[in-house]
């Protein structure tokens, strides 16, 4: 029976993992910067989502035909 060998990541795999961490950090930092520079963005986004939901709910309420009685 063969003894299991532990997988040792190659140097390129380690660099790739480090690169992903840096990318996540940069994206998170940019998101925080945008939110801090213009806090009104959050309110605008919430209002936009509400508007889209209201339009969706309205379209659902008007598109179903009445049953034949």
C-alpha atoms as a PDB file:
ATOM      1  CA  UNK A   1       0.000   0.000   0.000  1.00  0.00           C
ATOM      2  CA  UNK A   2       1.301   3.442  -0.902  1.00  0.00           C
ATOM      3  CA  UNK A   3       1.757   6.006   1.788  1.00  0.00           C
ATOM      4  CA  UNK A   4      -0.158   9.235   1.108  1.00  0.00           C
ATOM      5  CA  UNK A   5       1.955  12.193   0.123  1.00  0.00           C
ATOM      6  CA  UNK A   6       1.036  15.619   1.324  1.00  0.00           C
ATOM      7  CA  UNK A   7       0.418  18.122  -1.414  1.00  0.00           C
ATOM      8  CA  UNK A   8       2.884  20.980  -1.301  1.00  0.00           C
ATOM      9  CA  UNK A   9       1.688  23.967  -3.325  1.00  0.00           C
ATOM     10  CA  UNK A  10       4.066  25.159  -5.977  1.00  0.00           C
ATOM     11  CA  UNK A  11       5.558  28.653  -5.749  1.00  0.00           C
ATOM     12  CA  UNK A  12       3.304  29.839  -8.592  1.00  0.00           C
ATOM     13  CA  UNK A  13       0.203  28.661  -6.686  1.00  0.00           C
ATOM     14  CA  UNK A  14       1.354  30.609  -3.631  1.00  0.00           C
ATOM     15  CA  UNK A  15       1.882  33.721  -5.761  1.00  0.00           C
ATOM     16  CA  UNK A  16      -1.567  33.298  -7.282  1.00  0.00           C
ATOM     17  CA  UNK A  17      -3.152  33.082  -3.823  1.00  0.00           C
ATOM     18  CA  UNK A  18      -1.276  36.219  -2.768  1.00  0.00           C
ATOM     19  CA  UNK A  19      -2.388  37.981  -5.928  1.00  0.00           C
ATOM     20  CA  UNK A  20      -6.040  37.183  -5.205  1.00  0.00           C
ATOM     21  CA  UNK A  21      -5.692  38.588  -1.689  1.00  0.00           C
ATOM     22  CA  UNK A  22      -4.256  41.809  -3.087  1.00  0.00           C
ATOM     23  CA  UNK A  23      -7.095  42.073  -5.643  1.00  0.00           C
ATOM     24  CA  UNK A  24      -9.743  41.638  -2.931  1.00  0.00           C
ATOM     25  CA  UNK A  25      -8.014  44.234  -0.776  1.00  0.00           C
ATOM     26  CA  UNK A  26      -7.869  46.766  -3.617  1.00  0.00           C
ATOM     27  CA  UNK A  27     -11.531  46.254  -4.547  1.00  0.00           C
ATOM     28  CA  UNK A  28     -12.651  46.519  -0.913  1.00  0.00           C
ATOM     29  CA  UNK A  29     -10.554  49.638  -0.444  1.00  0.00           C
ATOM     30  CA  UNK A  30     -12.087  51.268  -3.519  1.00  0.00           C
ATOM     31  CA  UNK A  31     -15.601  50.408  -2.350  1.00  0.00           C
ATOM     32  CA  UNK A  32     -14.924  51.941   1.061  1.00  0.00           C
ATOM     33  CA  UNK A  33     -13.422  55.036  -0.579  1.00  0.00           C
ATOM     34  CA  UNK A  34     -16.506  55.528  -2.769  1.00  0.00           C
ATOM     35  CA  UNK A  35     -18.873  55.105   0.170  1.00  0.00           C
ATOM     36  CA  UNK A  36     -16.920  57.516   2.359  1.00  0.00           C
ATOM     37  CA  UNK A  37     -16.483  60.151  -0.324  1.00  0.00           C
ATOM     38  CA  UNK A  38     -20.177  60.234  -1.220  1.00  0.00           C
ATOM     39  CA  UNK A  39     -22.408  58.765   1.498  1.00  0.00           C
ATOM     40  CA  UNK A  40     -25.449  59.676  -0.596  1.00  0.00           C
ATOM     41  CA  UNK A  41     -24.649  56.703  -2.848  1.00  0.00           C
ATOM     42  CA  UNK A  42     -26.194  54.289  -0.358  1.00  0.00           C
ATOM     43  CA  UNK A  43     -29.473  56.228  -0.211  1.00  0.00           C
ATOM     44  CA  UNK A  44     -29.582  56.506  -4.013  1.00  0.00           C
ATOM     45  CA  UNK A  45     -29.018  52.766  -4.377  1.00  0.00           C
ATOM     46  CA  UNK A  46     -31.789  51.957  -1.899  1.00  0.00           C
ATOM     47  CA  UNK A  47     -34.192  54.298  -3.706  1.00  0.00           C
ATOM     48  CA  UNK A  48     -33.297  52.737  -7.069  1.00  0.00           C
ATOM     49  CA  UNK A  49     -33.943  49.222  -5.735  1.00  0.00           C
ATOM     50  CA  UNK A  50     -37.299  50.327  -4.295  1.00  0.00           C
ATOM     51  CA  UNK A  51     -38.269  51.909  -7.609  1.00  0.00           C
ATOM     52  CA  UNK A  52     -37.389  48.779  -9.582  1.00  0.00           C
ATOM     53  CA  UNK A  53     -39.309  46.578  -7.125  1.00  0.00           C
ATOM     54  CA  UNK A  54     -42.392  48.815  -7.321  1.00  0.00           C
ATOM     55  CA  UNK A  55     -42.317  48.662 -11.129  1.00  0.00           C
ATOM     56  CA  UNK A  56     -41.893  44.878 -11.009  1.00  0.00           C
ATOM     57  CA  UNK A  57     -44.796  44.442  -8.577  1.00  0.00           C
ATOM     58  CA  UNK A  58     -46.997  46.714 -10.685  1.00  0.00           C
ATOM     59  CA  UNK A  59     -46.205  44.816 -13.878  1.00  0.00           C
ATOM     60  CA  UNK A  60     -47.035  41.508 -12.189  1.00  0.00           C
ATOM     61  CA  UNK A  61     -50.371  42.842 -10.979  1.00  0.00           C
ATOM     62  CA  UNK A  62     -51.454  44.011 -14.452  1.00  0.00           C
ATOM     63  CA  UNK A  63     -50.309  41.195 -16.730  1.00  0.00           C
ATOM     64  CA  UNK A  64     -52.392  38.285 -15.459  1.00  0.00           C
ATOM     65  CA  UNK A  65     -55.726  37.959 -17.306  1.00  0.00           C
ATOM     66  CA  UNK A  66     -58.943  37.528 -15.383  1.00  0.00           C
ATOM     67  CA  UNK A  67     -60.373  33.995 -15.391  1.00  0.00           C
ATOM     68  CA  UNK A  68     -63.426  33.325 -17.528  1.00  0.00           C
ATOM     69  CA  UNK A  69     -66.501  33.144 -15.345  1.00  0.00           C
END
